[in-house]
Amino acid sequence: MPFERGAPKPLGSGRRKGTLNRITKEVAARLAELSCDPIEGMAAIAADASNPVELRARMYAELAQYIHPKRRAVESRLVDSQGRDRYPLDIESVRAYCQQAPPGGE
């Protein structure tokens, strides 16, 4: 029975969670046929001291993505004593902010 426009999606339809798409399955199967492990290959390139340092560093950076989360940008915000945002940050504003009494009167 074909899907009718406006009808709710039938239960159990679609791809199951975690199921690889067709292309990913084909690539994984092909790599398995060739006994090729890309992660192992990158590790071998990174560990080989005869490779240029730029290539080794790139391989380590690629491998790190599988172990450590990527860092996100952190917003810098400075508020003066009147509660106004100070953008862009200039050295005078930073010095003045650092010399203010801490909140709570310590």
PDB file of N, CA and C in Angstrom:
ATOM      1  N   MET A   1       0.851  -1.174   0.000  1.00  0.00           N
ATOM      2  CA  MET A   1       0.000   0.000   0.000  1.00  0.00           C
ATOM      3  C   MET A   1       0.896   1.236   0.000  1.00  0.00           C
ATOM      4  N   PRO A   2       0.756   2.113  -0.982  1.00  0.00           N
ATOM      5  CA  PRO A   2       1.608   3.294  -1.069  1.00  0.00           C
ATOM      6  C   PRO A   2       1.272   4.306   0.033  1.00  0.00           C
ATOM      7  N   PHE A   3       2.268   5.128   0.365  1.00  0.00           N
ATOM      8  CA  PHE A   3       2.083   6.168   1.370  1.00  0.00           C
ATOM      9  C   PHE A   3       1.136   7.238   0.829  1.00  0.00           C
ATOM     10  N   GLU A   4       0.171   7.628   1.635  1.00  0.00           N
ATOM     11  CA  GLU A   4      -0.781   8.672   1.228  1.00  0.00           C
ATOM     12  C   GLU A   4      -0.380   9.988   1.864  1.00  0.00           C
ATOM     13  N   ARG A   5      -0.390  11.025   1.070  1.00  0.00           N
ATOM     14  CA  ARG A   5      -0.018  12.358   1.534  1.00  0.00           C
ATOM     15  C   ARG A   5      -0.931  12.781   2.690  1.00  0.00           C
ATOM     16  N   GLY A   6      -0.309  13.289   3.780  1.00  0.00           N
ATOM     17  CA  GLY A   6      -1.069  13.745   4.930  1.00  0.00           C
ATOM     18  C   GLY A   6      -1.323  12.671   5.971  1.00  0.00           C
ATOM     19  N   ALA A   7      -1.065  11.416   5.622  1.00  0.00           N
ATOM     20  CA  ALA A   7      -1.265  10.318   6.567  1.00  0.00           C
ATOM     21  C   ALA A   7      -0.042  10.204   7.469  1.00  0.00           C
ATOM     22  N   PRO A   8      -0.207   9.759   8.718  1.00  0.00           N
ATOM     23  CA  PRO A   8       0.961   9.597   9.590  1.00  0.00           C
ATOM     24  C   PRO A   8       1.879   8.487   9.088  1.00  0.00           C
ATOM     25  N   LYS A   9       3.150   8.616   9.437  1.00  0.00           N
ATOM     26  CA  LYS A   9       4.141   7.634   9.029  1.00  0.00           C
ATOM     27  C   LYS A   9       3.835   6.299   9.718  1.00  0.00           C
ATOM     28  N   PRO A  10       3.815   5.214   8.960  1.00  0.00           N
ATOM     29  CA  PRO A  10       3.535   3.908   9.567  1.00  0.00           C
ATOM     30  C   PRO A  10       4.611   3.510  10.575  1.00  0.00           C
ATOM     31  N   LEU A  11       4.223   2.875  11.667  1.00  0.00           N
ATOM     32  CA  LEU A  11       5.174   2.416  12.669  1.00  0.00           C
ATOM     33  C   LEU A  11       6.126   1.403  12.058  1.00  0.00           C
ATOM     34  N   GLY A  12       7.385   1.523  12.443  1.00  0.00           N
ATOM     35  CA  GLY A  12       8.383   0.566  11.964  1.00  0.00           C
ATOM     36  C   GLY A  12       8.898   0.861  10.565  1.00  0.00           C
ATOM     37  N   SER A  13       8.479   1.962   9.969  1.00  0.00           N
ATOM     38  CA  SER A  13       8.948   2.265   8.610  1.00  0.00           C
ATOM     39  C   SER A  13      10.285   2.999   8.671  1.00  0.00           C
ATOM     40  N   GLY A  14      11.002   2.974   7.607  1.00  0.00           N
ATOM     41  CA  GLY A  14      12.283   3.674   7.510  1.00  0.00           C
ATOM     42  C   GLY A  14      13.443   2.832   7.993  1.00  0.00           C
ATOM     43  N   ARG A  15      14.623   3.420   7.908  1.00  0.00           N
ATOM     44  CA  ARG A  15      15.836   2.722   8.306  1.00  0.00           C
ATOM     45  C   ARG A  15      15.941   2.698   9.827  1.00  0.00           C
ATOM     46  N   ARG A  16      16.392   1.601  10.372  1.00  0.00           N
ATOM     47  CA  ARG A  16      16.542   1.462  11.818  1.00  0.00           C
ATOM     48  C   ARG A  16      17.724   2.295  12.299  1.00  0.00           C
ATOM     49  N   LYS A  17      17.686   2.733  13.548  1.00  0.00           N
ATOM     50  CA  LYS A  17      18.746   3.526  14.138  1.00  0.00           C
ATOM     51  C   LYS A  17      20.053   2.747  14.097  1.00  0.00           C
ATOM     52  N   GLY A  18      21.129   3.407  13.665  1.00  0.00           N
ATOM     53  CA  GLY A  18      22.441   2.771  13.631  1.00  0.00           C
ATOM     54  C   GLY A  18      22.741   1.991  12.374  1.00  0.00           C
ATOM     55  N   THR A  19      21.757   1.833  11.481  1.00  0.00           N
ATOM     56  CA  THR A  19      21.965   1.096  10.244  1.00  0.00           C
ATOM     57  C   THR A  19      22.757   1.965   9.273  1.00  0.00           C
ATOM     58  N   LEU A  20      23.799   1.408   8.684  1.00  0.00           N
ATOM     59  CA  LEU A  20      24.616   2.147   7.726  1.00  0.00           C
ATOM     60  C   LEU A  20      23.872   2.319   6.409  1.00  0.00           C
ATOM     61  N   ASN A  21      24.137   3.440   5.727  1.00  0.00           N
ATOM     62  CA  ASN A  21      23.532   3.603   4.405  1.00  0.00           C
ATOM     63  C   ASN A  21      24.279   2.740   3.384  1.00  0.00           C
ATOM     64  N   ARG A  22      23.751   2.632   2.204  1.00  0.00           N
ATOM     65  CA  ARG A  22      24.272   1.717   1.186  1.00  0.00           C
ATOM     66  C   ARG A  22      25.731   2.015   0.838  1.00  0.00           C
ATOM     67  N   ILE A  23      26.072   3.273   0.622  1.00  0.00           N
ATOM     68  CA  ILE A  23      27.437   3.635   0.226  1.00  0.00           C
ATOM     69  C   ILE A  23      28.421   3.283   1.335  1.00  0.00           C
ATOM     70  N   THR A  24      28.070   3.607   2.585  1.00  0.00           N
ATOM     71  CA  THR A  24      28.955   3.300   3.702  1.00  0.00           C
ATOM     72  C   THR A  24      29.182   1.799   3.814  1.00  0.00           C
ATOM     73  N   LYS A  25      28.136   1.018   3.604  1.00  0.00           N
ATOM     74  CA  LYS A  25      28.274  -0.441   3.636  1.00  0.00           C
ATOM     75  C   LYS A  25      29.218  -0.920   2.537  1.00  0.00           C
ATOM     76  N   GLU A  26      29.061  -0.364   1.335  1.00  0.00           N
ATOM     77  CA  GLU A  26      29.897  -0.778   0.207  1.00  0.00           C
ATOM     78  C   GLU A  26      31.361  -0.431   0.451  1.00  0.00           C
ATOM     79  N   VAL A  27      31.614   0.766   0.967  1.00  0.00           N
ATOM     80  CA  VAL A  27      32.999   1.175   1.236  1.00  0.00           C
ATOM     81  C   VAL A  27      33.599   0.293   2.324  1.00  0.00           C
ATOM     82  N   ALA A  28      32.852   0.038   3.388  1.00  0.00           N
ATOM     83  CA  ALA A  28      33.348  -0.819   4.470  1.00  0.00           C
ATOM     84  C   ALA A  28      33.635  -2.230   3.956  1.00  0.00           C
ATOM     85  N   ALA A  29      32.767  -2.752   3.114  1.00  0.00           N
ATOM     86  CA  ALA A  29      32.969  -4.098   2.561  1.00  0.00           C
ATOM     87  C   ALA A  29      34.214  -4.139   1.678  1.00  0.00           C
ATOM     88  N   ARG A  30      34.391  -3.112   0.864  1.00  0.00           N
ATOM     89  CA  ARG A  30      35.551  -3.061  -0.035  1.00  0.00           C
ATOM     90  C   ARG A  30      36.855  -2.964   0.752  1.00  0.00           C
ATOM     91  N   LEU A  31      36.869  -2.136   1.796  1.00  0.00           N
ATOM     92  CA  LEU A  31      38.062  -2.021   2.630  1.00  0.00           C
ATOM     93  C   LEU A  31      38.364  -3.356   3.330  1.00  0.00           C
ATOM     94  N   ALA A  32      37.317  -4.053   3.752  1.00  0.00           N
ATOM     95  CA  ALA A  32      37.507  -5.358   4.387  1.00  0.00           C
ATOM     96  C   ALA A  32      38.096  -6.359   3.395  1.00  0.00           C
ATOM     97  N   GLU A  33      37.639  -6.332   2.135  1.00  0.00           N
ATOM     98  CA  GLU A  33      38.186  -7.212   1.088  1.00  0.00           C
ATOM     99  C   GLU A  33      39.675  -6.978   0.898  1.00  0.00           C
ATOM    100  N   LEU A  34      40.075  -5.706   0.959  1.00  0.00           N
ATOM    101  CA  LEU A  34      41.473  -5.335   0.742  1.00  0.00           C
ATOM    102  C   LEU A  34      42.314  -5.439   2.006  1.00  0.00           C
ATOM    103  N   SER A  35      41.682  -5.822   3.121  1.00  0.00           N
ATOM    104  CA  SER A  35      42.353  -5.860   4.426  1.00  0.00           C
ATOM    105  C   SER A  35      42.991  -4.512   4.733  1.00  0.00           C
ATOM    106  N   CYS A  36      42.236  -3.469   4.490  1.00  0.00           N
ATOM    107  CA  CYS A  36      42.734  -2.104   4.663  1.00  0.00           C
ATOM    108  C   CYS A  36      42.024  -1.458   5.857  1.00  0.00           C
ATOM    109  N   ASP A  37      42.803  -0.992   6.822  1.00  0.00           N
ATOM    110  CA  ASP A  37      42.278  -0.267   7.972  1.00  0.00           C
ATOM    111  C   ASP A  37      42.843   1.150   7.926  1.00  0.00           C
ATOM    112  N   PRO A  38      42.027   2.144   7.547  1.00  0.00           N
ATOM    113  CA  PRO A  38      42.526   3.509   7.406  1.00  0.00           C
ATOM    114  C   PRO A  38      43.117   4.079   8.699  1.00  0.00           C
ATOM    115  N   ILE A  39      42.526   3.745   9.839  1.00  0.00           N
ATOM    116  CA  ILE A  39      43.039   4.249  11.108  1.00  0.00           C
ATOM    117  C   ILE A  39      44.442   3.686  11.376  1.00  0.00           C
ATOM    118  N   GLU A  40      44.603   2.391  11.127  1.00  0.00           N
ATOM    119  CA  GLU A  40      45.912   1.751  11.299  1.00  0.00           C
ATOM    120  C   GLU A  40      46.932   2.377  10.347  1.00  0.00           C
ATOM    121  N   GLY A  41      46.511   2.678   9.127  1.00  0.00           N
ATOM    122  CA  GLY A  41      47.405   3.297   8.151  1.00  0.00           C
ATOM    123  C   GLY A  41      47.850   4.688   8.571  1.00  0.00           C
ATOM    124  N   MET A  42      46.892   5.486   9.080  1.00  0.00           N
ATOM    125  CA  MET A  42      47.257   6.831   9.547  1.00  0.00           C
ATOM    126  C   MET A  42      48.203   6.747  10.733  1.00  0.00           C
ATOM    127  N   ALA A  43      47.966   5.788  11.635  1.00  0.00           N
ATOM    128  CA  ALA A  43      48.842   5.625  12.795  1.00  0.00           C
ATOM    129  C   ALA A  43      50.252   5.237  12.357  1.00  0.00           C
ATOM    130  N   ALA A  44      50.366   4.381  11.354  1.00  0.00           N
ATOM    131  CA  ALA A  44      51.678   3.969  10.851  1.00  0.00           C
ATOM    132  C   ALA A  44      52.421   5.141  10.222  1.00  0.00           C
ATOM    133  N   ILE A  45      51.705   5.965   9.455  1.00  0.00           N
ATOM    134  CA  ILE A  45      52.323   7.148   8.832  1.00  0.00           C
ATOM    135  C   ILE A  45      52.786   8.121   9.915  1.00  0.00           C
ATOM    136  N   ALA A  46      51.937   8.336  10.930  1.00  0.00           N
ATOM    137  CA  ALA A  46      52.272   9.275  11.998  1.00  0.00           C
ATOM    138  C   ALA A  46      53.479   8.801  12.816  1.00  0.00           C
ATOM    139  N   ALA A  47      53.600   7.515  13.012  1.00  0.00           N
ATOM    140  CA  ALA A  47      54.686   6.978  13.840  1.00  0.00           C
ATOM    141  C   ALA A  47      56.003   6.845  13.085  1.00  0.00           C
ATOM    142  N   ASP A  48      55.983   6.913  11.758  1.00  0.00           N
ATOM    143  CA  ASP A  48      57.188   6.735  10.944  1.00  0.00           C
ATOM    144  C   ASP A  48      58.002   8.033  10.924  1.00  0.00           C
ATOM    145  N   ALA A  49      59.143   8.031  11.599  1.00  0.00           N
ATOM    146  CA  ALA A  49      59.980   9.228  11.715  1.00  0.00           C
ATOM    147  C   ALA A  49      60.577   9.666  10.377  1.00  0.00           C
ATOM    148  N   SER A  50      60.577   8.794   9.368  1.00  0.00           N
ATOM    149  CA  SER A  50      61.139   9.167   8.073  1.00  0.00           C
ATOM    150  C   SER A  50      60.188  10.045   7.259  1.00  0.00           C
ATOM    151  N   ASN A  51      58.926  10.133   7.652  1.00  0.00           N
ATOM    152  CA  ASN A  51      57.955  11.006   6.968  1.00  0.00           C
ATOM    153  C   ASN A  51      58.157  12.450   7.403  1.00  0.00           C
ATOM    154  N   PRO A  52      57.833  13.408   6.522  1.00  0.00           N
ATOM    155  CA  PRO A  52      57.966  14.825   6.900  1.00  0.00           C
ATOM    156  C   PRO A  52      57.103  15.143   8.125  1.00  0.00           C
ATOM    157  N   VAL A  53      57.594  16.047   8.954  1.00  0.00           N
ATOM    158  CA  VAL A  53      56.897  16.387  10.188  1.00  0.00           C
ATOM    159  C   VAL A  53      55.496  16.937   9.915  1.00  0.00           C
ATOM    160  N   GLU A  54      55.309  17.646   8.788  1.00  0.00           N
ATOM    161  CA  GLU A  54      53.988  18.195   8.453  1.00  0.00           C
ATOM    162  C   GLU A  54      52.972  17.073   8.235  1.00  0.00           C
ATOM    163  N   LEU A  55      53.398  16.023   7.512  1.00  0.00           N
ATOM    164  CA  LEU A  55      52.523  14.880   7.252  1.00  0.00           C
ATOM    165  C   LEU A  55      52.212  14.138   8.545  1.00  0.00           C
ATOM    166  N   ARG A  56      53.220  13.927   9.367  1.00  0.00           N
ATOM    167  CA  ARG A  56      53.018  13.239  10.636  1.00  0.00           C
ATOM    168  C   ARG A  56      52.066  14.028  11.533  1.00  0.00           C
ATOM    169  N   ALA A  57      52.228  15.337  11.580  1.00  0.00           N
ATOM    170  CA  ALA A  57      51.352  16.173  12.404  1.00  0.00           C
ATOM    171  C   ALA A  57      49.918  16.104  11.904  1.00  0.00           C
ATOM    172  N   ARG A  58      49.738  16.097  10.598  1.00  0.00           N
ATOM    173  CA  ARG A  58      48.387  16.004  10.024  1.00  0.00           C
ATOM    174  C   ARG A  58      47.735  14.667  10.385  1.00  0.00           C
ATOM    175  N   MET A  59      48.500  13.603  10.339  1.00  0.00           N
ATOM    176  CA  MET A  59      47.959  12.286  10.695  1.00  0.00           C
ATOM    177  C   MET A  59      47.571  12.237  12.168  1.00  0.00           C
ATOM    178  N   TYR A  60      48.407  12.809  13.031  1.00  0.00           N
ATOM    179  CA  TYR A  60      48.057  12.850  14.450  1.00  0.00           C
ATOM    180  C   TYR A  60      46.801  13.681  14.673  1.00  0.00           C
ATOM    181  N   ALA A  61      46.668  14.794  13.952  1.00  0.00           N
ATOM    182  CA  ALA A  61      45.472  15.633  14.087  1.00  0.00           C
ATOM    183  C   ALA A  61      44.226  14.878  13.633  1.00  0.00           C
ATOM    184  N   GLU A  62      44.338  14.121  12.546  1.00  0.00           N
ATOM    185  CA  GLU A  62      43.206  13.331  12.069  1.00  0.00           C
ATOM    186  C   GLU A  62      42.837  12.250  13.075  1.00  0.00           C
ATOM    187  N   LEU A  63      43.842  11.574  13.632  1.00  0.00           N
ATOM    188  CA  LEU A  63      43.584  10.509  14.595  1.00  0.00           C
ATOM    189  C   LEU A  63      42.984  11.048  15.894  1.00  0.00           C
ATOM    190  N   ALA A  64      43.396  12.245  16.289  1.00  0.00           N
ATOM    191  CA  ALA A  64      42.900  12.833  17.538  1.00  0.00           C
ATOM    192  C   ALA A  64      41.389  13.044  17.509  1.00  0.00           C
ATOM    193  N   GLN A  65      40.825  13.246  16.327  1.00  0.00           N
ATOM    194  CA  GLN A  65      39.382  13.457  16.208  1.00  0.00           C
ATOM    195  C   GLN A  65      38.578  12.245  16.672  1.00  0.00           C
ATOM    196  N   TYR A  66      39.197  11.067  16.640  1.00  0.00           N
ATOM    197  CA  TYR A  66      38.499   9.856  17.049  1.00  0.00           C
ATOM    198  C   TYR A  66      38.583   9.633  18.560  1.00  0.00           C
ATOM    199  N   ILE A  67      39.457  10.380  19.215  1.00  0.00           N
ATOM    200  CA  ILE A  67      39.673  10.176  20.641  1.00  0.00           C
ATOM    201  C   ILE A  67      39.182  11.351  21.482  1.00  0.00           C
ATOM    202  N   HIS A  68      39.469  12.564  21.022  1.00  0.00           N
ATOM    203  CA  HIS A  68      39.138  13.756  21.801  1.00  0.00           C
ATOM    204  C   HIS A  68      38.077  14.586  21.090  1.00  0.00           C
ATOM    205  N   PRO A  69      37.155  15.211  21.843  1.00  0.00           N
ATOM    206  CA  PRO A  69      36.154  16.067  21.200  1.00  0.00           C
ATOM    207  C   PRO A  69      36.806  17.327  20.643  1.00  0.00           C
ATOM    208  N   LYS A  70      36.209  17.874  19.609  1.00  0.00           N
ATOM    209  CA  LYS A  70      36.726  19.110  19.040  1.00  0.00           C
ATOM    210  C   LYS A  70      36.420  20.261  19.984  1.00  0.00           C
ATOM    211  N   ARG A  71      37.303  21.211  20.040  1.00  0.00           N
ATOM    212  CA  ARG A  71      37.109  22.376  20.893  1.00  0.00           C
ATOM    213  C   ARG A  71      36.201  23.367  20.194  1.00  0.00           C
ATOM    214  N   ARG A  72      35.350  24.003  20.987  1.00  0.00           N
ATOM    215  CA  ARG A  72      34.453  25.016  20.439  1.00  0.00           C
ATOM    216  C   ARG A  72      34.939  26.401  20.831  1.00  0.00           C
ATOM    217  N   ALA A  73      34.530  27.390  20.062  1.00  0.00           N
ATOM    218  CA  ALA A  73      34.875  28.770  20.370  1.00  0.00           C
ATOM    219  C   ALA A  73      34.134  29.193  21.637  1.00  0.00           C
ATOM    220  N   VAL A  74      34.790  30.016  22.444  1.00  0.00           N
ATOM    221  CA  VAL A  74      34.196  30.522  23.663  1.00  0.00           C
ATOM    222  C   VAL A  74      34.035  32.027  23.504  1.00  0.00           C
ATOM    223  N   GLU A  75      32.849  32.506  23.808  1.00  0.00           N
ATOM    224  CA  GLU A  75      32.575  33.928  23.652  1.00  0.00           C
ATOM    225  C   GLU A  75      33.296  34.711  24.746  1.00  0.00           C
ATOM    226  N   SER A  76      33.965  35.812  24.351  1.00  0.00           N
ATOM    227  CA  SER A  76      34.593  36.715  25.312  1.00  0.00           C
ATOM    228  C   SER A  76      33.645  37.875  25.539  1.00  0.00           C
ATOM    229  N   ARG A  77      33.333  38.117  26.810  1.00  0.00           N
ATOM    230  CA  ARG A  77      32.405  39.194  27.123  1.00  0.00           C
ATOM    231  C   ARG A  77      32.920  39.920  28.347  1.00  0.00           C
ATOM    232  N   LEU A  78      32.933  41.237  28.283  1.00  0.00           N
ATOM    233  CA  LEU A  78      33.368  42.059  29.398  1.00  0.00           C
ATOM    234  C   LEU A  78      32.274  43.074  29.676  1.00  0.00           C
ATOM    235  N   VAL A  79      31.864  43.168  30.940  1.00  0.00           N
ATOM    236  CA  VAL A  79      30.814  44.107  31.334  1.00  0.00           C
ATOM    237  C   VAL A  79      31.438  45.137  32.268  1.00  0.00           C
ATOM    238  N   ASP A  80      31.211  46.422  31.991  1.00  0.00           N
ATOM    239  CA  ASP A  80      31.771  47.448  32.870  1.00  0.00           C
ATOM    240  C   ASP A  80      30.925  47.613  34.125  1.00  0.00           C
ATOM    241  N   SER A  81      31.319  48.545  35.000  1.00  0.00           N
ATOM    242  CA  SER A  81      30.655  48.714  36.294  1.00  0.00           C
ATOM    243  C   SER A  81      29.189  49.160  36.159  1.00  0.00           C
ATOM    244  N   GLN A  82      28.809  49.728  35.022  1.00  0.00           N
ATOM    245  CA  GLN A  82      27.419  50.116  34.787  1.00  0.00           C
ATOM    246  C   GLN A  82      26.615  49.003  34.109  1.00  0.00           C
ATOM    247  N   GLY A  83      27.212  47.855  33.925  1.00  0.00           N
ATOM    248  CA  GLY A  83      26.515  46.732  33.332  1.00  0.00           C
ATOM    249  C   GLY A  83      26.475  46.753  31.813  1.00  0.00           C
ATOM    250  N   ARG A  84      27.280  47.614  31.195  1.00  0.00           N
ATOM    251  CA  ARG A  84      27.306  47.699  29.729  1.00  0.00           C
ATOM    252  C   ARG A  84      28.355  46.755  29.164  1.00  0.00           C
ATOM    253  N   ASP A  85      28.041  46.175  28.017  1.00  0.00           N
ATOM    254  CA  ASP A  85      29.007  45.333  27.325  1.00  0.00           C
ATOM    255  C   ASP A  85      30.097  46.204  26.741  1.00  0.00           C
ATOM    256  N   ARG A  86      31.334  45.717  26.822  1.00  0.00           N
ATOM    257  CA  ARG A  86      32.472  46.440  26.260  1.00  0.00           C
ATOM    258  C   ARG A  86      33.006  45.638  25.082  1.00  0.00           C
ATOM    259  N   TYR A  87      32.669  46.046  23.873  1.00  0.00           N
ATOM    260  CA  TYR A  87      33.156  45.407  22.656  1.00  0.00           C
ATOM    261  C   TYR A  87      33.765  46.465  21.781  1.00  0.00           C
ATOM    262  N   PRO A  88      34.804  46.257  21.053  1.00  0.00           N
ATOM    263  CA  PRO A  88      35.724  45.141  21.207  1.00  0.00           C
ATOM    264  C   PRO A  88      36.542  45.299  22.485  1.00  0.00           C
ATOM    265  N   LEU A  89      37.153  44.231  22.923  1.00  0.00           N
ATOM    266  CA  LEU A  89      37.967  44.284  24.129  1.00  0.00           C
ATOM    267  C   LEU A  89      39.243  45.068  23.835  1.00  0.00           C
ATOM    268  N   ASP A  90      39.455  46.126  24.604  1.00  0.00           N
ATOM    269  CA  ASP A  90      40.698  46.869  24.466  1.00  0.00           C
ATOM    270  C   ASP A  90      41.445  46.757  25.789  1.00  0.00           C
ATOM    271  N   ILE A  91      42.745  46.965  25.782  1.00  0.00           N
ATOM    272  CA  ILE A  91      43.577  46.706  26.949  1.00  0.00           C
ATOM    273  C   ILE A  91      43.189  47.598  28.127  1.00  0.00           C
ATOM    274  N   GLU A  92      42.780  48.837  27.850  1.00  0.00           N
ATOM    275  CA  GLU A  92      42.387  49.731  28.936  1.00  0.00           C
ATOM    276  C   GLU A  92      41.142  49.207  29.648  1.00  0.00           C
ATOM    277  N   SER A  93      40.175  48.712  28.897  1.00  0.00           N
ATOM    278  CA  SER A  93      38.963  48.160  29.499  1.00  0.00           C
ATOM    279  C   SER A  93      39.275  46.918  30.330  1.00  0.00           C
ATOM    280  N   VAL A  94      40.170  46.087  29.835  1.00  0.00           N
ATOM    281  CA  VAL A  94      40.531  44.876  30.567  1.00  0.00           C
ATOM    282  C   VAL A  94      41.229  45.240  31.868  1.00  0.00           C
ATOM    283  N   ARG A  95      42.173  46.194  31.816  1.00  0.00           N
ATOM    284  CA  ARG A  95      42.872  46.614  33.037  1.00  0.00           C
ATOM    285  C   ARG A  95      41.895  47.197  34.055  1.00  0.00           C
ATOM    286  N   ALA A  96      40.978  48.053  33.590  1.00  0.00           N
ATOM    287  CA  ALA A  96      40.000  48.659  34.491  1.00  0.00           C
ATOM    288  C   ALA A  96      39.100  47.587  35.108  1.00  0.00           C
ATOM    289  N   TYR A  97      38.710  46.621  34.335  1.00  0.00           N
ATOM    290  CA  TYR A  97      37.854  45.544  34.824  1.00  0.00           C
ATOM    291  C   TYR A  97      38.582  44.720  35.885  1.00  0.00           C
ATOM    292  N   CYS A  98      39.841  44.434  35.638  1.00  0.00           N
ATOM    293  CA  CYS A  98      40.613  43.614  36.573  1.00  0.00           C
ATOM    294  C   CYS A  98      40.886  44.340  37.885  1.00  0.00           C
ATOM    295  N   GLN A  99      40.912  45.668  37.881  1.00  0.00           N
ATOM    296  CA  GLN A  99      41.188  46.437  39.093  1.00  0.00           C
ATOM    297  C   GLN A  99      39.931  46.735  39.904  1.00  0.00           C
ATOM    298  N   GLN A 100      38.747  46.403  39.364  1.00  0.00           N
ATOM    299  CA  GLN A 100      37.489  46.618  40.098  1.00  0.00           C
ATOM    300  C   GLN A 100      37.457  45.717  41.319  1.00  0.00           C
ATOM    301  N   ALA A 101      36.709  46.156  42.341  1.00  0.00           N
ATOM    302  CA  ALA A 101      36.486  45.312  43.521  1.00  0.00           C
ATOM    303  C   ALA A 101      35.636  44.127  43.110  1.00  0.00           C
ATOM    304  N   PRO A 102      35.923  42.937  43.605  1.00  0.00           N
ATOM    305  CA  PRO A 102      35.104  41.771  43.239  1.00  0.00           C
ATOM    306  C   PRO A 102      33.693  41.903  43.767  1.00  0.00           C
ATOM    307  N   PRO A 103      32.715  41.275  43.101  1.00  0.00           N
ATOM    308  CA  PRO A 103      31.345  41.328  43.578  1.00  0.00           C
ATOM    309  C   PRO A 103      31.245  40.727  44.982  1.00  0.00           C
ATOM    310  N   GLY A 104      30.432  41.296  45.810  1.00  0.00           N
ATOM    311  CA  GLY A 104      30.263  40.805  47.176  1.00  0.00           C
ATOM    312  C   GLY A 104      31.088  41.594  48.171  1.00  0.00           C
ATOM    313  N   GLY A 105      31.863  42.593  47.714  1.00  0.00           N
ATOM    314  CA  GLY A 105      32.605  43.483  48.589  1.00  0.00           C
ATOM    315  C   GLY A 105      33.776  42.858  49.302  1.00  0.00           C
ATOM    316  N   GLU A 106      34.418  41.870  48.724  1.00  0.00           N
ATOM    317  CA  GLU A 106      35.587  41.231  49.358  1.00  0.00           C
ATOM    318  C   GLU A 106      36.794  42.089  49.241  1.00  0.00           C
TER     319      GLU A 106
END
